[in-house]
Amino acid sequence: MKRSEKDQIIAEVAEVAGRAHGMFFTDFGGLTVEQATELRREFHKVGIDYRVAKNTLIRKALERVGGYDRVFDKLAGPTGVAFAYDDPVAPARIIQKFIEKHKKLSLKVCMIEREMYEGSRLAEIAKIPSRAEIIAAILGSIQAPIAAIPGAINAVMRDLVSVIDEVGKKKQAA
C-alpha cells in the first residue's frame, strides 16, 4: 500500500471518528464475505459507517483526534470499526443481533461519548433505548397529566349534573 493511500485512510478515519458519538471496535475474524456484506448492509440501513483498516492506521487516525488512548491496546487482530452519529448505541443492537444469528463476530471494546466500555458489556449497552425512544417517553409522561385534565373536568361536571338532578327529583317528590 502506498504512503498516499495510507494517509488518505488515516484522514478518512480521523474525520469520521471526530464526528462520531459512538465507536464500536469489532473482531470480524471468521466471517464469510456474505456475512460481512450483511453486517455492512445492516449498519448502512441506520446510517452507521463501518470501516475495516489496519490497526496501525486506525491508531494513527485516533491519535489525530485525541482522547482514545485507552483503545490502543485493544487494536489487535482483524478490526472493524462502526461509527455512530445520531444514536451512539445503535451499533450495539445490530452487533448483538448479528452475534445471536451467526456467532462469529465479537466486540472488542466500544467508546460512547468518549467513555470506554469493554466488549463483554455488549448485552447491557444494546438494551439502552435510543435517543428518540427516550424523548418519546418523556413527552408521553409530560402529556399524560394534560390528557387527563378534560376527563377530570368532565367527571366534575357529570357529578354536578347528577347532584342537581337528584335535588330536582327530591323537590318534585316533596
Protein backbone atom coordinates (compact mmCIF):
# COMPACT_ATOMS: atom_id res chain seq x y z
CA MET A 1 0.00 0.00 0.00
CA LYS A 2 1.39 3.39 -0.98
CA ARG A 3 2.03 6.11 1.56
CA SER A 4 -0.57 8.38 -0.05
CA GLU A 5 -3.22 5.64 0.29
CA LYS A 6 -2.34 5.18 3.95
CA ASP A 7 -2.54 8.94 4.55
CA GLN A 8 -5.95 9.03 2.88
CA ILE A 9 -7.27 6.18 5.08
CA ILE A 10 -5.90 7.88 8.22
CA ALA A 11 -7.55 11.17 7.22
CA GLU A 12 -10.91 9.49 6.49
CA VAL A 13 -10.95 7.52 9.73
CA ALA A 14 -9.90 10.61 11.74
CA GLU A 15 -12.69 12.64 10.12
CA VAL A 16 -15.45 10.13 10.90
CA ALA A 17 -14.06 9.49 14.39
CA GLY A 18 -14.19 13.21 15.10
CA ARG A 19 -17.90 13.32 14.20
CA ALA A 20 -18.92 10.04 15.84
CA HIS A 21 -20.65 9.85 19.22
CA GLY A 22 -20.12 6.10 19.39
CA MET A 23 -17.38 3.81 18.07
CA PHE A 24 -17.57 0.04 18.26
CA PHE A 25 -14.40 -1.96 17.61
CA THR A 26 -15.21 -5.46 16.37
CA ASP A 27 -13.21 -8.59 15.67
CA PHE A 28 -14.60 -9.82 12.37
CA GLY A 29 -12.26 -12.81 12.02
CA GLY A 30 -14.07 -15.86 10.68
CA LEU A 31 -16.84 -14.01 8.86
CA THR A 32 -17.60 -15.06 5.33
CA VAL A 33 -17.87 -12.44 2.59
CA GLU A 34 -21.67 -12.82 2.62
CA GLN A 35 -21.83 -12.32 6.39
CA ALA A 36 -19.56 -9.27 6.23
CA THR A 37 -21.74 -7.82 3.46
CA GLU A 38 -24.86 -8.49 5.54
CA LEU A 39 -23.30 -6.72 8.54
CA ARG A 40 -22.33 -3.70 6.43
CA ARG A 41 -25.84 -3.59 4.95
CA GLU A 42 -27.43 -3.59 8.44
CA PHE A 43 -25.14 -0.76 9.54
CA HIS A 44 -25.82 1.22 6.37
CA LYS A 45 -29.63 0.99 6.89
CA VAL A 46 -29.38 3.10 10.05
CA GLY A 47 -26.65 5.50 8.92
CA ILE A 48 -23.66 3.87 10.60
CA ASP A 49 -20.27 3.88 8.89
CA TYR A 50 -18.33 0.63 9.17
CA ARG A 51 -14.65 0.71 8.25
CA VAL A 52 -12.06 -2.03 8.15
CA ALA A 53 -8.44 -0.88 8.19
CA LYS A 54 -5.08 -1.91 9.52
CA ASN A 55 -4.75 -1.42 13.26
CA THR A 56 -1.77 0.91 12.87
CA LEU A 57 -3.79 3.18 10.57
CA ILE A 58 -6.76 3.20 12.95
CA ARG A 59 -4.39 4.03 15.80
CA LYS A 60 -2.78 6.92 13.90
CA ALA A 61 -6.22 8.29 12.99
CA LEU A 62 -7.37 8.14 16.62
CA GLU A 63 -4.14 9.82 17.73
CA ARG A 64 -5.03 12.73 15.41
CA VAL A 65 -8.46 13.06 17.00
CA GLY A 66 -7.15 12.58 20.56
CA GLY A 67 -8.78 11.11 23.65
CA TYR A 68 -8.80 7.47 22.55
CA ASP A 69 -5.55 6.26 24.12
CA ARG A 70 -7.36 3.60 26.18
CA VAL A 71 -8.45 1.80 22.99
CA PHE A 72 -4.95 1.30 21.57
CA ASP A 73 -4.19 -1.92 23.45
CA LYS A 74 -7.40 -3.47 22.01
CA LEU A 75 -6.25 -2.89 18.42
CA ALA A 76 -5.01 -6.39 17.63
CA GLY A 77 -6.18 -8.89 15.07
CA PRO A 78 -8.76 -8.12 12.39
CA THR A 79 -10.54 -4.92 13.43
CA GLY A 80 -13.62 -3.25 12.03
CA VAL A 81 -14.94 -0.01 13.46
CA ALA A 82 -18.60 1.06 13.44
CA PHE A 83 -19.06 4.83 13.73
CA ALA A 84 -22.43 6.03 15.08
CA TYR A 85 -23.51 9.65 14.78
CA ASP A 86 -27.14 10.24 15.83
CA ASP A 87 -27.76 7.24 18.06
CA PRO A 88 -24.48 6.27 19.74
CA VAL A 89 -25.72 2.83 20.87
CA ALA A 90 -27.37 1.74 17.61
CA PRO A 91 -24.35 -0.37 16.57
CA ALA A 92 -24.64 -2.34 19.82
CA ARG A 93 -28.14 -3.52 18.89
CA ILE A 94 -27.02 -4.53 15.38
CA ILE A 95 -23.89 -6.30 16.64
CA GLN A 96 -25.91 -8.13 19.33
CA LYS A 97 -28.44 -9.41 16.76
CA PHE A 98 -25.65 -10.37 14.38
CA ILE A 99 -23.81 -12.35 17.09
CA GLU A 100 -27.02 -14.15 18.05
CA LYS A 101 -27.55 -15.13 14.42
CA HIS A 102 -24.01 -16.02 13.29
CA LYS A 103 -21.91 -16.44 16.48
CA LYS A 104 -18.77 -15.27 14.65
CA LEU A 105 -18.44 -11.54 15.32
CA SER A 106 -17.21 -10.21 18.66
CA LEU A 107 -17.00 -6.78 20.20
CA LYS A 108 -13.54 -5.84 21.47
CA VAL A 109 -14.40 -2.51 23.03
CA CYS A 110 -16.64 0.47 22.41
CA MET A 111 -16.44 4.19 23.04
CA ILE A 112 -19.70 6.02 23.71
CA GLU A 113 -19.38 9.78 24.18
CA ARG A 114 -15.65 9.21 24.83
CA GLU A 115 -16.31 6.68 27.63
CA MET A 116 -14.81 3.23 27.13
CA TYR A 117 -16.81 0.04 27.70
CA GLU A 118 -15.49 -3.49 27.43
CA GLY A 119 -16.97 -5.79 24.79
CA SER A 120 -18.34 -8.07 27.50
CA ARG A 121 -20.94 -5.39 28.29
CA LEU A 122 -22.50 -5.55 24.82
CA ALA A 123 -25.83 -7.00 26.03
CA GLU A 124 -26.21 -4.17 28.56
CA ILE A 125 -25.37 -1.49 26.03
CA ALA A 126 -27.72 -2.97 23.42
CA LYS A 127 -30.63 -2.57 25.88
CA ILE A 128 -30.12 1.18 26.23
CA PRO A 129 -33.04 2.92 24.48
CA SER A 130 -32.33 5.20 21.56
CA ARG A 131 -32.45 8.96 21.91
CA ALA A 132 -35.78 9.05 20.03
CA GLU A 133 -37.30 6.45 22.39
CA ILE A 134 -36.19 8.43 25.44
CA ILE A 135 -37.66 11.66 24.04
CA ALA A 136 -40.94 9.88 23.23
CA ALA A 137 -41.14 8.51 26.79
CA ILE A 138 -40.50 11.95 28.29
CA LEU A 139 -43.10 13.58 26.05
CA GLY A 140 -45.58 10.83 26.87
CA SER A 141 -45.09 11.36 30.62
CA ILE A 142 -45.50 15.11 30.18
CA GLN A 143 -48.61 14.68 28.03
CA ALA A 144 -50.34 12.14 30.31
CA PRO A 145 -51.40 14.64 33.03
CA ILE A 146 -52.51 17.15 30.39
CA ALA A 147 -54.62 14.50 28.65
CA ALA A 148 -56.28 13.61 31.98
CA ILE A 149 -57.49 17.19 32.63
CA PRO A 150 -60.52 17.07 30.28
CA GLY A 151 -61.58 13.75 31.81
CA ALA A 152 -61.35 15.22 35.31
CA ILE A 153 -63.34 18.31 34.30
CA ASN A 154 -66.00 16.13 32.63
CA ALA A 155 -66.22 13.96 35.76
CA VAL A 156 -66.84 17.03 37.94
CA MET A 157 -69.46 18.32 35.50
CA ARG A 158 -71.15 14.90 35.36
CA ASP A 159 -71.23 14.68 39.17
CA LEU A 160 -72.63 18.22 39.42
CA VAL A 161 -75.39 17.44 36.90
CA SER A 162 -76.17 14.25 38.82
CA VAL A 163 -76.44 16.15 42.12
CA ILE A 164 -78.69 18.82 40.57
CA ASP A 165 -80.87 16.08 39.02
CA GLU A 166 -81.23 14.33 42.40
CA VAL A 167 -82.13 17.61 44.12
CA GLY A 168 -84.77 18.25 41.42
CA LYS A 169 -86.27 14.78 41.92
CA LYS A 170 -86.47 15.28 45.69
CA LYS A 171 -88.22 18.64 45.27
CA GLN A 172 -90.77 17.10 42.86
CA ALA A 173 -91.41 14.26 45.27
CA ALA A 174 -91.94 16.67 48.19
